[in-house]
Amino acid sequence: MLLPFIYREGILAALVANALYLISIAAYFYITFLGYQGPLSCVVGANVFLPFHCLFIVALPFVDKAERFLFPVVLGVFVCTIATLMRVNLCVLVMNFYFG
């Protein structure tokens, strides 16, 4: 649905495509971070407790300083910002890599 729009040349298409990649990368690392937090991550949003969510959380005792899983988000922000300023559309690069 968005592919015809973001698979174009131009700053607006690059901005939207790179923002989508940044959101997906940040969500992946944030969910990974929450998975290593253990039962404390059962509180979601505005103090809404979801008990079925807590059944699937496994805290690994040997994982120390799980907040390090969030460090790649900073790198992702930097890369997406530089790519957008240089008008590099990451969607076009990925599509050409896989299907080109």
C-alpha atoms as a PDB file:
ATOM      1  CA  MET A   1       0.000   0.000   0.000  1.00  0.00           C
ATOM      2  CA  LEU A   2       2.829   2.397   0.826  1.00  0.00           C
ATOM      3  CA  LEU A   3       5.324   0.906  -1.582  1.00  0.00           C
ATOM      4  CA  PRO A   4       4.365   3.004  -4.637  1.00  0.00           C
ATOM      5  CA  PHE A   5       4.852   6.124  -2.537  1.00  0.00           C
ATOM      6  CA  ILE A   6       8.073   5.247  -0.713  1.00  0.00           C
ATOM      7  CA  TYR A   7       9.728   3.566  -3.711  1.00  0.00           C
ATOM      8  CA  ARG A   8      10.349   6.941  -5.350  1.00  0.00           C
ATOM      9  CA  GLU A   9      13.198   9.365  -5.512  1.00  0.00           C
ATOM     10  CA  GLY A  10      12.894  12.462  -3.383  1.00  0.00           C
ATOM     11  CA  ILE A  11      13.286  13.747   0.123  1.00  0.00           C
ATOM     12  CA  LEU A  12       9.699  13.093   1.243  1.00  0.00           C
ATOM     13  CA  ALA A  13       9.758   9.455   0.143  1.00  0.00           C
ATOM     14  CA  ALA A  14      13.163   8.988   1.798  1.00  0.00           C
ATOM     15  CA  LEU A  15      11.901  10.593   4.997  1.00  0.00           C
ATOM     16  CA  VAL A  16       8.847   8.326   5.213  1.00  0.00           C
ATOM     17  CA  ALA A  17      10.759   5.156   4.275  1.00  0.00           C
ATOM     18  CA  ASN A  18      13.626   5.839   6.672  1.00  0.00           C
ATOM     19  CA  ALA A  19      11.195   6.722   9.460  1.00  0.00           C
ATOM     20  CA  LEU A  20       9.422   3.387   8.961  1.00  0.00           C
ATOM     21  CA  TYR A  21      12.735   1.552   9.149  1.00  0.00           C
ATOM     22  CA  LEU A  22      13.688   3.468  12.284  1.00  0.00           C
ATOM     23  CA  ILE A  23      10.370   2.681  13.974  1.00  0.00           C
ATOM     24  CA  SER A  24      10.692  -1.008  13.161  1.00  0.00           C
ATOM     25  CA  ILE A  25      14.297  -1.206  14.389  1.00  0.00           C
ATOM     26  CA  ALA A  26      13.438   0.629  17.613  1.00  0.00           C
ATOM     27  CA  ALA A  27      10.404  -1.603  18.216  1.00  0.00           C
ATOM     28  CA  TYR A  28      12.465  -4.755  17.693  1.00  0.00           C
ATOM     29  CA  PHE A  29      15.166  -3.770  20.167  1.00  0.00           C
ATOM     30  CA  TYR A  30      12.651  -2.400  22.689  1.00  0.00           C
ATOM     31  CA  ILE A  31      10.644  -5.640  22.652  1.00  0.00           C
ATOM     32  CA  THR A  32      13.888  -7.602  23.030  1.00  0.00           C
ATOM     33  CA  PHE A  33      14.809  -5.385  25.983  1.00  0.00           C
ATOM     34  CA  LEU A  34      11.413  -5.985  27.613  1.00  0.00           C
ATOM     35  CA  GLY A  35      11.809  -9.728  27.166  1.00  0.00           C
ATOM     36  CA  TYR A  36      14.935  -9.732  29.287  1.00  0.00           C
ATOM     37  CA  GLN A  37      13.450  -7.549  32.034  1.00  0.00           C
ATOM     38  CA  GLY A  38      11.366 -10.284  33.608  1.00  0.00           C
ATOM     39  CA  PRO A  39       8.091  -9.909  35.539  1.00  0.00           C
ATOM     40  CA  LEU A  40       8.548  -6.173  36.068  1.00  0.00           C
ATOM     41  CA  SER A  41       7.624  -5.576  32.442  1.00  0.00           C
ATOM     42  CA  CYS A  42       4.076  -6.823  33.068  1.00  0.00           C
ATOM     43  CA  VAL A  43       3.001  -3.250  33.715  1.00  0.00           C
ATOM     44  CA  VAL A  44       2.046  -1.882  30.321  1.00  0.00           C
ATOM     45  CA  GLY A  45       1.261   1.736  29.559  1.00  0.00           C
ATOM     46  CA  ALA A  46      -0.734   3.593  32.178  1.00  0.00           C
ATOM     47  CA  ASN A  47      -0.553   0.972  34.941  1.00  0.00           C
ATOM     48  CA  VAL A  48      -2.632  -1.561  33.041  1.00  0.00           C
ATOM     49  CA  PHE A  49      -1.863  -5.044  34.305  1.00  0.00           C
ATOM     50  CA  LEU A  50      -2.170  -7.843  31.770  1.00  0.00           C
ATOM     51  CA  PRO A  51      -1.701 -11.195  33.562  1.00  0.00           C
ATOM     52  CA  PHE A  52      -1.750 -13.277  30.366  1.00  0.00           C
ATOM     53  CA  HIS A  53       1.178 -11.191  29.109  1.00  0.00           C
ATOM     54  CA  CYS A  54       3.231 -12.166  32.165  1.00  0.00           C
ATOM     55  CA  LEU A  55       2.970 -15.867  31.409  1.00  0.00           C
ATOM     56  CA  PHE A  56       5.256 -15.538  28.391  1.00  0.00           C
ATOM     57  CA  ILE A  57       7.978 -13.422  29.984  1.00  0.00           C
ATOM     58  CA  VAL A  58      11.182 -15.241  30.826  1.00  0.00           C
ATOM     59  CA  ALA A  59      13.845 -13.433  32.788  1.00  0.00           C
ATOM     60  CA  LEU A  60      17.265 -14.926  32.281  1.00  0.00           C
ATOM     61  CA  PRO A  61      19.339 -14.547  35.432  1.00  0.00           C
ATOM     62  CA  PHE A  62      22.650 -14.522  33.552  1.00  0.00           C
ATOM     63  CA  VAL A  63      21.698 -11.487  31.447  1.00  0.00           C
ATOM     64  CA  ASP A  64      23.212  -8.524  33.231  1.00  0.00           C
ATOM     65  CA  LYS A  65      22.512  -4.922  32.203  1.00  0.00           C
ATOM     66  CA  ALA A  66      19.748  -5.661  29.707  1.00  0.00           C
ATOM     67  CA  GLU A  67      19.519  -1.961  28.869  1.00  0.00           C
ATOM     68  CA  ARG A  68      22.451  -2.521  26.520  1.00  0.00           C
ATOM     69  CA  PHE A  69      19.931  -4.004  24.100  1.00  0.00           C
ATOM     70  CA  LEU A  70      18.682  -0.435  23.563  1.00  0.00           C
ATOM     71  CA  PHE A  71      22.056   0.945  22.399  1.00  0.00           C
ATOM     72  CA  PRO A  72      21.552  -0.033  18.723  1.00  0.00           C
ATOM     73  CA  VAL A  73      18.514   2.274  18.624  1.00  0.00           C
ATOM     74  CA  VAL A  74      20.868   5.256  18.946  1.00  0.00           C
ATOM     75  CA  LEU A  75      22.885   3.950  16.009  1.00  0.00           C
ATOM     76  CA  GLY A  76      19.670   3.466  14.038  1.00  0.00           C
ATOM     77  CA  VAL A  77      18.611   7.063  14.706  1.00  0.00           C
ATOM     78  CA  PHE A  78      22.009   8.288  13.559  1.00  0.00           C
ATOM     79  CA  VAL A  79      22.034   6.163  10.377  1.00  0.00           C
ATOM     80  CA  CYS A  80      18.452   7.047   9.412  1.00  0.00           C
ATOM     81  CA  THR A  81      19.046  10.752  10.026  1.00  0.00           C
ATOM     82  CA  ILE A  82      22.208  10.807   7.918  1.00  0.00           C
ATOM     83  CA  ALA A  83      20.536   8.725   5.190  1.00  0.00           C
ATOM     84  CA  THR A  84      17.563  11.086   5.064  1.00  0.00           C
ATOM     85  CA  LEU A  85      19.758  14.170   4.919  1.00  0.00           C
ATOM     86  CA  MET A  86      21.719  12.602   2.064  1.00  0.00           C
ATOM     87  CA  ARG A  87      18.413  11.673   0.360  1.00  0.00           C
ATOM     88  CA  VAL A  88      19.212   7.969   0.503  1.00  0.00           C
ATOM     89  CA  ASN A  89      16.034   5.920   0.536  1.00  0.00           C
ATOM     90  CA  LEU A  90      16.634   2.740   2.527  1.00  0.00           C
ATOM     91  CA  CYS A  91      13.551   1.130   0.987  1.00  0.00           C
ATOM     92  CA  VAL A  92      15.015   1.446  -2.495  1.00  0.00           C
ATOM     93  CA  LEU A  93      18.322  -0.015  -1.308  1.00  0.00           C
ATOM     94  CA  VAL A  94      16.673  -2.997   0.362  1.00  0.00           C
ATOM     95  CA  MET A  95      14.308  -3.676  -2.538  1.00  0.00           C
ATOM     96  CA  ASN A  96      17.200  -3.566  -5.033  1.00  0.00           C
ATOM     97  CA  PHE A  97      19.248  -5.861  -2.791  1.00  0.00           C
ATOM     98  CA  TYR A  98      16.536  -8.501  -2.495  1.00  0.00           C
ATOM     99  CA  PHE A  99      14.785  -8.231  -5.846  1.00  0.00           C
ATOM    100  CA  GLY A 100      17.154  -6.300  -8.082  1.00  0.00           C
END
